[in-house]
Amino acid sequence: QRRVGELEKRLGQALVRRHATGYR
């Protein structure tokens, strides 16, 4: 979670969204 968050922060874009069935 931390690594994906860091990647999103560096890119300035959301890469994944959490849903009830997992990530998309």
PDB file of all heavy atoms in Angstrom:
ATOM      1  N   GLN A   1       0.826  -1.204   0.000  1.00  0.00           N
ATOM      2  CA  GLN A   1       0.000   0.000   0.000  1.00  0.00           C
ATOM      3  C   GLN A   1       0.862   1.257   0.000  1.00  0.00           C
ATOM      4  O   GLN A   1       0.587   2.210  -0.729  1.00  0.00           O
ATOM      5  CB  GLN A   1      -0.934   0.001   1.211  1.00  0.00           C
ATOM      6  CG  GLN A   1      -1.993  -1.062   1.138  1.00  0.00           C
ATOM      7  CD  GLN A   1      -2.769  -1.217   2.432  1.00  0.00           C
ATOM      8  OE1 GLN A   1      -2.262  -0.954   3.518  1.00  0.00           O
ATOM      9  NE2 GLN A   1      -4.008  -1.660   2.323  1.00  0.00           N
ATOM     10  N   ARG A   2       1.909   1.242   0.799  1.00  0.00           N
ATOM     11  CA  ARG A   2       2.800   2.395   0.883  1.00  0.00           C
ATOM     12  C   ARG A   2       3.529   2.633  -0.441  1.00  0.00           C
ATOM     13  O   ARG A   2       3.615   3.762  -0.920  1.00  0.00           O
ATOM     14  CB  ARG A   2       3.807   2.196   2.020  1.00  0.00           C
ATOM     15  CG  ARG A   2       4.675   3.392   2.283  1.00  0.00           C
ATOM     16  CD  ARG A   2       5.605   3.185   3.467  1.00  0.00           C
ATOM     17  NE  ARG A   2       6.594   2.156   3.188  1.00  0.00           N
ATOM     18  CZ  ARG A   2       6.620   0.954   3.739  1.00  0.00           C
ATOM     19  NH1 ARG A   2       5.707   0.599   4.619  1.00  0.00           N
ATOM     20  NH2 ARG A   2       7.558   0.089   3.440  1.00  0.00           N
ATOM     21  N   ARG A   3       4.013   1.564  -1.069  1.00  0.00           N
ATOM     22  CA  ARG A   3       4.752   1.687  -2.333  1.00  0.00           C
ATOM     23  C   ARG A   3       3.859   2.170  -3.464  1.00  0.00           C
ATOM     24  O   ARG A   3       4.276   3.008  -4.259  1.00  0.00           O
ATOM     25  CB  ARG A   3       5.377   0.354  -2.716  1.00  0.00           C
ATOM     26  CG  ARG A   3       6.433  -0.131  -1.783  1.00  0.00           C
ATOM     27  CD  ARG A   3       7.662   0.735  -1.858  1.00  0.00           C
ATOM     28  NE  ARG A   3       8.804  -0.081  -1.603  1.00  0.00           N
ATOM     29  CZ  ARG A   3       9.991   0.097  -2.106  1.00  0.00           C
ATOM     30  NH1 ARG A   3      10.235   1.101  -2.896  1.00  0.00           N
ATOM     31  NH2 ARG A   3      10.966  -0.705  -1.819  1.00  0.00           N
ATOM     32  N   VAL A   4       2.640   1.662  -3.538  1.00  0.00           N
ATOM     33  CA  VAL A   4       1.708   2.120  -4.571  1.00  0.00           C
ATOM     34  C   VAL A   4       1.355   3.581  -4.321  1.00  0.00           C
ATOM     35  O   VAL A   4       1.303   4.386  -5.252  1.00  0.00           O
ATOM     36  CB  VAL A   4       0.451   1.229  -4.634  1.00  0.00           C
ATOM     37  CG1 VAL A   4      -0.607   1.834  -5.546  1.00  0.00           C
ATOM     38  CG2 VAL A   4       0.815  -0.176  -5.100  1.00  0.00           C
ATOM     39  N   GLY A   5       1.152   3.938  -3.071  1.00  0.00           N
ATOM     40  CA  GLY A   5       0.875   5.326  -2.724  1.00  0.00           C
ATOM     41  C   GLY A   5       2.012   6.262  -3.110  1.00  0.00           C
ATOM     42  O   GLY A   5       1.783   7.366  -3.614  1.00  0.00           O
ATOM     43  N   GLU A   6       3.235   5.823  -2.894  1.00  0.00           N
ATOM     44  CA  GLU A   6       4.399   6.627  -3.275  1.00  0.00           C
ATOM     45  C   GLU A   6       4.477   6.802  -4.785  1.00  0.00           C
ATOM     46  O   GLU A   6       4.778   7.886  -5.273  1.00  0.00           O
ATOM     47  CB  GLU A   6       5.694   5.980  -2.775  1.00  0.00           C
ATOM     48  CG  GLU A   6       6.044   6.335  -1.368  1.00  0.00           C
ATOM     49  CD  GLU A   6       6.284   7.823  -1.182  1.00  0.00           C
ATOM     50  OE1 GLU A   6       7.025   8.449  -1.974  1.00  0.00           O
ATOM     51  OE2 GLU A   6       5.715   8.378  -0.228  1.00  0.00           O
ATOM     52  N   LEU A   7       4.204   5.737  -5.518  1.00  0.00           N
ATOM     53  CA  LEU A   7       4.225   5.827  -6.978  1.00  0.00           C
ATOM     54  C   LEU A   7       3.171   6.812  -7.470  1.00  0.00           C
ATOM     55  O   LEU A   7       3.453   7.657  -8.320  1.00  0.00           O
ATOM     56  CB  LEU A   7       4.000   4.441  -7.603  1.00  0.00           C
ATOM     57  CG  LEU A   7       4.005   4.379  -9.125  1.00  0.00           C
ATOM     58  CD1 LEU A   7       5.337   4.853  -9.695  1.00  0.00           C
ATOM     59  CD2 LEU A   7       3.707   2.949  -9.581  1.00  0.00           C
ATOM     60  N   GLU A   8       1.973   6.724  -6.910  1.00  0.00           N
ATOM     61  CA  GLU A   8       0.909   7.651  -7.287  1.00  0.00           C
ATOM     62  C   GLU A   8       1.300   9.089  -6.951  1.00  0.00           C
ATOM     63  O   GLU A   8       1.062  10.008  -7.742  1.00  0.00           O
ATOM     64  CB  GLU A   8      -0.398   7.280  -6.578  1.00  0.00           C
ATOM     65  CG  GLU A   8      -1.007   6.005  -7.088  1.00  0.00           C
ATOM     66  CD  GLU A   8      -2.269   5.611  -6.348  1.00  0.00           C
ATOM     67  OE1 GLU A   8      -2.355   5.847  -5.114  1.00  0.00           O
ATOM     68  OE2 GLU A   8      -3.173   5.076  -7.008  1.00  0.00           O
ATOM     69  N   LYS A   9       1.921   9.272  -5.806  1.00  0.00           N
ATOM     70  CA  LYS A   9       2.344  10.606  -5.382  1.00  0.00           C
ATOM     71  C   LYS A   9       3.390  11.167  -6.345  1.00  0.00           C
ATOM     72  O   LYS A   9       3.299  12.321  -6.767  1.00  0.00           O
ATOM     73  CB  LYS A   9       2.919  10.528  -3.965  1.00  0.00           C
ATOM     74  CG  LYS A   9       3.380  11.827  -3.396  1.00  0.00           C
ATOM     75  CD  LYS A   9       3.887  11.607  -1.982  1.00  0.00           C
ATOM     76  CE  LYS A   9       4.677  12.777  -1.485  1.00  0.00           C
ATOM     77  NZ  LYS A   9       5.284  12.494  -0.174  1.00  0.00           N
ATOM     78  N   ARG A  10       4.355  10.359  -6.726  1.00  0.00           N
ATOM     79  CA  ARG A  10       5.406  10.814  -7.633  1.00  0.00           C
ATOM     80  C   ARG A  10       4.859  11.134  -9.019  1.00  0.00           C
ATOM     81  O   ARG A  10       5.318  12.064  -9.671  1.00  0.00           O
ATOM     82  CB  ARG A  10       6.505   9.770  -7.743  1.00  0.00           C
ATOM     83  CG  ARG A  10       7.342   9.639  -6.501  1.00  0.00           C
ATOM     84  CD  ARG A  10       8.430   8.601  -6.679  1.00  0.00           C
ATOM     85  NE  ARG A  10       9.018   8.208  -5.430  1.00  0.00           N
ATOM     86  CZ  ARG A  10       9.970   8.896  -4.800  1.00  0.00           C
ATOM     87  NH1 ARG A  10      10.409  10.019  -5.318  1.00  0.00           N
ATOM     88  NH2 ARG A  10      10.461   8.467  -3.667  1.00  0.00           N
ATOM     89  N   LEU A  11       3.879  10.360  -9.457  1.00  0.00           N
ATOM     90  CA  LEU A  11       3.294  10.583 -10.772  1.00  0.00           C
ATOM     91  C   LEU A  11       2.218  11.672 -10.756  1.00  0.00           C
ATOM     92  O   LEU A  11       1.857  12.206 -11.796  1.00  0.00           O
ATOM     93  CB  LEU A  11       2.686   9.281 -11.311  1.00  0.00           C
ATOM     94  CG  LEU A  11       3.668   8.155 -11.594  1.00  0.00           C
ATOM     95  CD1 LEU A  11       2.920   6.895 -11.992  1.00  0.00           C
ATOM     96  CD2 LEU A  11       4.660   8.553 -12.675  1.00  0.00           C
ATOM     97  N   GLY A  12       1.684  11.941  -9.572  1.00  0.00           N
ATOM     98  CA  GLY A  12       0.623  12.930  -9.457  1.00  0.00           C
ATOM     99  C   GLY A  12      -0.697  12.447 -10.027  1.00  0.00           C
ATOM    100  O   GLY A  12      -1.544  13.258 -10.398  1.00  0.00           O
ATOM    101  N   GLN A  13      -0.876  11.141 -10.086  1.00  0.00           N
ATOM    102  CA  GLN A  13      -2.080  10.531 -10.659  1.00  0.00           C
ATOM    103  C   GLN A  13      -2.482   9.317  -9.841  1.00  0.00           C
ATOM    104  O   GLN A  13      -1.622   8.572  -9.373  1.00  0.00           O
ATOM    105  CB  GLN A  13      -1.817  10.062 -12.091  1.00  0.00           C
ATOM    106  CG  GLN A  13      -1.458  11.138 -13.065  1.00  0.00           C
ATOM    107  CD  GLN A  13      -2.668  11.940 -13.488  1.00  0.00           C
ATOM    108  OE1 GLN A  13      -3.788  11.436 -13.510  1.00  0.00           O
ATOM    109  NE2 GLN A  13      -2.449  13.191 -13.822  1.00  0.00           N
ATOM    110  N   ALA A  14      -3.787   9.081  -9.722  1.00  0.00           N
ATOM    111  CA  ALA A  14      -4.281   7.863  -9.085  1.00  0.00           C
ATOM    112  C   ALA A  14      -4.146   6.709 -10.078  1.00  0.00           C
ATOM    113  O   ALA A  14      -4.504   6.847 -11.246  1.00  0.00           O
ATOM    114  CB  ALA A  14      -5.725   8.028  -8.667  1.00  0.00           C
ATOM    115  N   LEU A  15      -3.601   5.612  -9.640  1.00  0.00           N
ATOM    116  CA  LEU A  15      -3.412   4.441 -10.501  1.00  0.00           C
ATOM    117  C   LEU A  15      -4.409   3.336 -10.203  1.00  0.00           C
ATOM    118  O   LEU A  15      -4.707   2.528 -11.076  1.00  0.00           O
ATOM    119  CB  LEU A  15      -1.987   3.899 -10.350  1.00  0.00           C
ATOM    120  CG  LEU A  15      -0.870   4.873 -10.694  1.00  0.00           C
ATOM    121  CD1 LEU A  15       0.481   4.256 -10.357  1.00  0.00           C
ATOM    122  CD2 LEU A  15      -0.941   5.266 -12.152  1.00  0.00           C
ATOM    123  N   VAL A  16      -4.887   3.279  -8.958  1.00  0.00           N
ATOM    124  CA  VAL A  16      -5.838   2.239  -8.550  1.00  0.00           C
ATOM    125  C   VAL A  16      -6.955   2.868  -7.729  1.00  0.00           C
ATOM    126  O   VAL A  16      -6.786   3.919  -7.120  1.00  0.00           O
ATOM    127  CB  VAL A  16      -5.161   1.120  -7.724  1.00  0.00           C
ATOM    128  CG1 VAL A  16      -4.161   0.347  -8.547  1.00  0.00           C
ATOM    129  CG2 VAL A  16      -4.498   1.673  -6.481  1.00  0.00           C
ATOM    130  N   ARG A  17      -8.092   2.202  -7.728  1.00  0.00           N
ATOM    131  CA  ARG A  17      -9.234   2.570  -6.894  1.00  0.00           C
ATOM    132  C   ARG A  17      -9.666   1.335  -6.136  1.00  0.00           C
ATOM    133  O   ARG A  17      -9.757   0.237  -6.705  1.00  0.00           O
ATOM    134  CB  ARG A  17     -10.408   3.064  -7.743  1.00  0.00           C
ATOM    135  CG  ARG A  17     -10.158   4.343  -8.447  1.00  0.00           C
ATOM    136  CD  ARG A  17     -10.360   5.514  -7.484  1.00  0.00           C
ATOM    137  NE  ARG A  17     -10.192   6.758  -8.211  1.00  0.00           N
ATOM    138  CZ  ARG A  17      -9.330   7.696  -7.856  1.00  0.00           C
ATOM    139  NH1 ARG A  17      -8.583   7.548  -6.812  1.00  0.00           N
ATOM    140  NH2 ARG A  17      -9.223   8.785  -8.564  1.00  0.00           N
ATOM    141  N   ARG A  18      -9.959   1.509  -4.865  1.00  0.00           N
ATOM    142  CA  ARG A  18     -10.408   0.395  -4.046  1.00  0.00           C
ATOM    143  C   ARG A  18     -11.904   0.188  -4.240  1.00  0.00           C
ATOM    144  O   ARG A  18     -12.680   1.137  -4.219  1.00  0.00           O
ATOM    145  CB  ARG A  18     -10.109   0.652  -2.573  1.00  0.00           C
ATOM    146  CG  ARG A  18     -10.456  -0.531  -1.725  1.00  0.00           C
ATOM    147  CD  ARG A  18     -10.079  -0.287  -0.283  1.00  0.00           C
ATOM    148  NE  ARG A  18     -10.585  -1.368   0.506  1.00  0.00           N
ATOM    149  CZ  ARG A  18      -9.842  -2.358   0.980  1.00  0.00           C
ATOM    150  NH1 ARG A  18      -8.565  -2.364   0.749  1.00  0.00           N
ATOM    151  NH2 ARG A  18     -10.385  -3.323   1.683  1.00  0.00           N
ATOM    152  N   HIS A  19     -12.293  -1.059  -4.448  1.00  0.00           N
ATOM    153  CA  HIS A  19     -13.700  -1.448  -4.571  1.00  0.00           C
ATOM    154  C   HIS A  19     -13.961  -2.577  -3.590  1.00  0.00           C
ATOM    155  O   HIS A  19     -13.028  -3.171  -3.052  1.00  0.00           O
ATOM    156  CB  HIS A  19     -13.996  -1.931  -5.992  1.00  0.00           C
ATOM    157  CG  HIS A  19     -13.932  -0.837  -7.002  1.00  0.00           C
ATOM    158  ND1 HIS A  19     -15.019  -0.066  -7.334  1.00  0.00           N
ATOM    159  CD2 HIS A  19     -12.903  -0.366  -7.745  1.00  0.00           C
ATOM    160  CE1 HIS A  19     -14.666   0.826  -8.224  1.00  0.00           C
ATOM    161  NE2 HIS A  19     -13.383   0.670  -8.497  1.00  0.00           N
ATOM    162  N   ALA A  20     -15.209  -2.900  -3.378  1.00  0.00           N
ATOM    163  CA  ALA A  20     -15.574  -3.962  -2.426  1.00  0.00           C
ATOM    164  C   ALA A  20     -14.943  -5.297  -2.800  1.00  0.00           C
ATOM    165  O   ALA A  20     -14.648  -6.115  -1.933  1.00  0.00           O
ATOM    166  CB  ALA A  20     -17.087  -4.087  -2.352  1.00  0.00           C
ATOM    167  N   THR A  21     -14.711  -5.511  -4.073  1.00  0.00           N
ATOM    168  CA  THR A  21     -14.157  -6.795  -4.528  1.00  0.00           C
ATOM    169  C   THR A  21     -12.651  -6.750  -4.753  1.00  0.00           C
ATOM    170  O   THR A  21     -12.085  -7.708  -5.256  1.00  0.00           O
ATOM    171  CB  THR A  21     -14.841  -7.229  -5.835  1.00  0.00           C
ATOM    172  OG1 THR A  21     -14.644  -6.204  -6.819  1.00  0.00           O
ATOM    173  CG2 THR A  21     -16.323  -7.474  -5.619  1.00  0.00           C
ATOM    174  N   GLY A  22     -12.012  -5.645  -4.411  1.00  0.00           N
ATOM    175  CA  GLY A  22     -10.561  -5.538  -4.588  1.00  0.00           C
ATOM    176  C   GLY A  22     -10.195  -4.218  -5.235  1.00  0.00           C
ATOM    177  O   GLY A  22     -10.959  -3.263  -5.199  1.00  0.00           O
ATOM    178  N   TYR A  23      -9.044  -4.170  -5.844  1.00  0.00           N
ATOM    179  CA  TYR A  23      -8.563  -2.957  -6.476  1.00  0.00           C
ATOM    180  C   TYR A  23      -8.802  -3.029  -7.977  1.00  0.00           C
ATOM    181  O   TYR A  23      -8.665  -4.079  -8.586  1.00  0.00           O
ATOM    182  CB  TYR A  23      -7.067  -2.771  -6.221  1.00  0.00           C
ATOM    183  CG  TYR A  23      -6.775  -2.247  -4.839  1.00  0.00           C
ATOM    184  CD1 TYR A  23      -6.779  -3.088  -3.732  1.00  0.00           C
ATOM    185  CD2 TYR A  23      -6.481  -0.915  -4.630  1.00  0.00           C
ATOM    186  CE1 TYR A  23      -6.507  -2.612  -2.464  1.00  0.00           C
ATOM    187  CE2 TYR A  23      -6.211  -0.426  -3.367  1.00  0.00           C
ATOM    188  CZ  TYR A  23      -6.218  -1.273  -2.294  1.00  0.00           C
ATOM    189  OH  TYR A  23      -5.957  -0.797  -1.040  1.00  0.00           O
ATOM    190  N   ARG A  24      -9.128  -1.870  -8.547  1.00  0.00           N
ATOM    191  CA  ARG A  24      -9.286  -1.766 -10.003  1.00  0.00           C
ATOM    192  C   ARG A  24      -8.402  -0.640 -10.491  1.00  0.00           C
ATOM    193  O   ARG A  24      -8.238   0.379  -9.818  1.00  0.00           O
ATOM    194  CB  ARG A  24     -10.739  -1.475 -10.357  1.00  0.00           C
ATOM    195  CG  ARG A  24     -11.639  -2.609  -9.960  1.00  0.00           C
ATOM    196  CD  ARG A  24     -12.872  -2.664 -10.811  1.00  0.00           C
ATOM    197  NE  ARG A  24     -13.689  -3.786 -10.351  1.00  0.00           N
ATOM    198  CZ  ARG A  24     -14.924  -3.676  -9.963  1.00  0.00           C
ATOM    199  NH1 ARG A  24     -15.533  -2.517  -9.994  1.00  0.00           N
ATOM    200  NH2 ARG A  24     -15.596  -4.744  -9.567  1.00  0.00           N
TER     201      ARG A  24
END
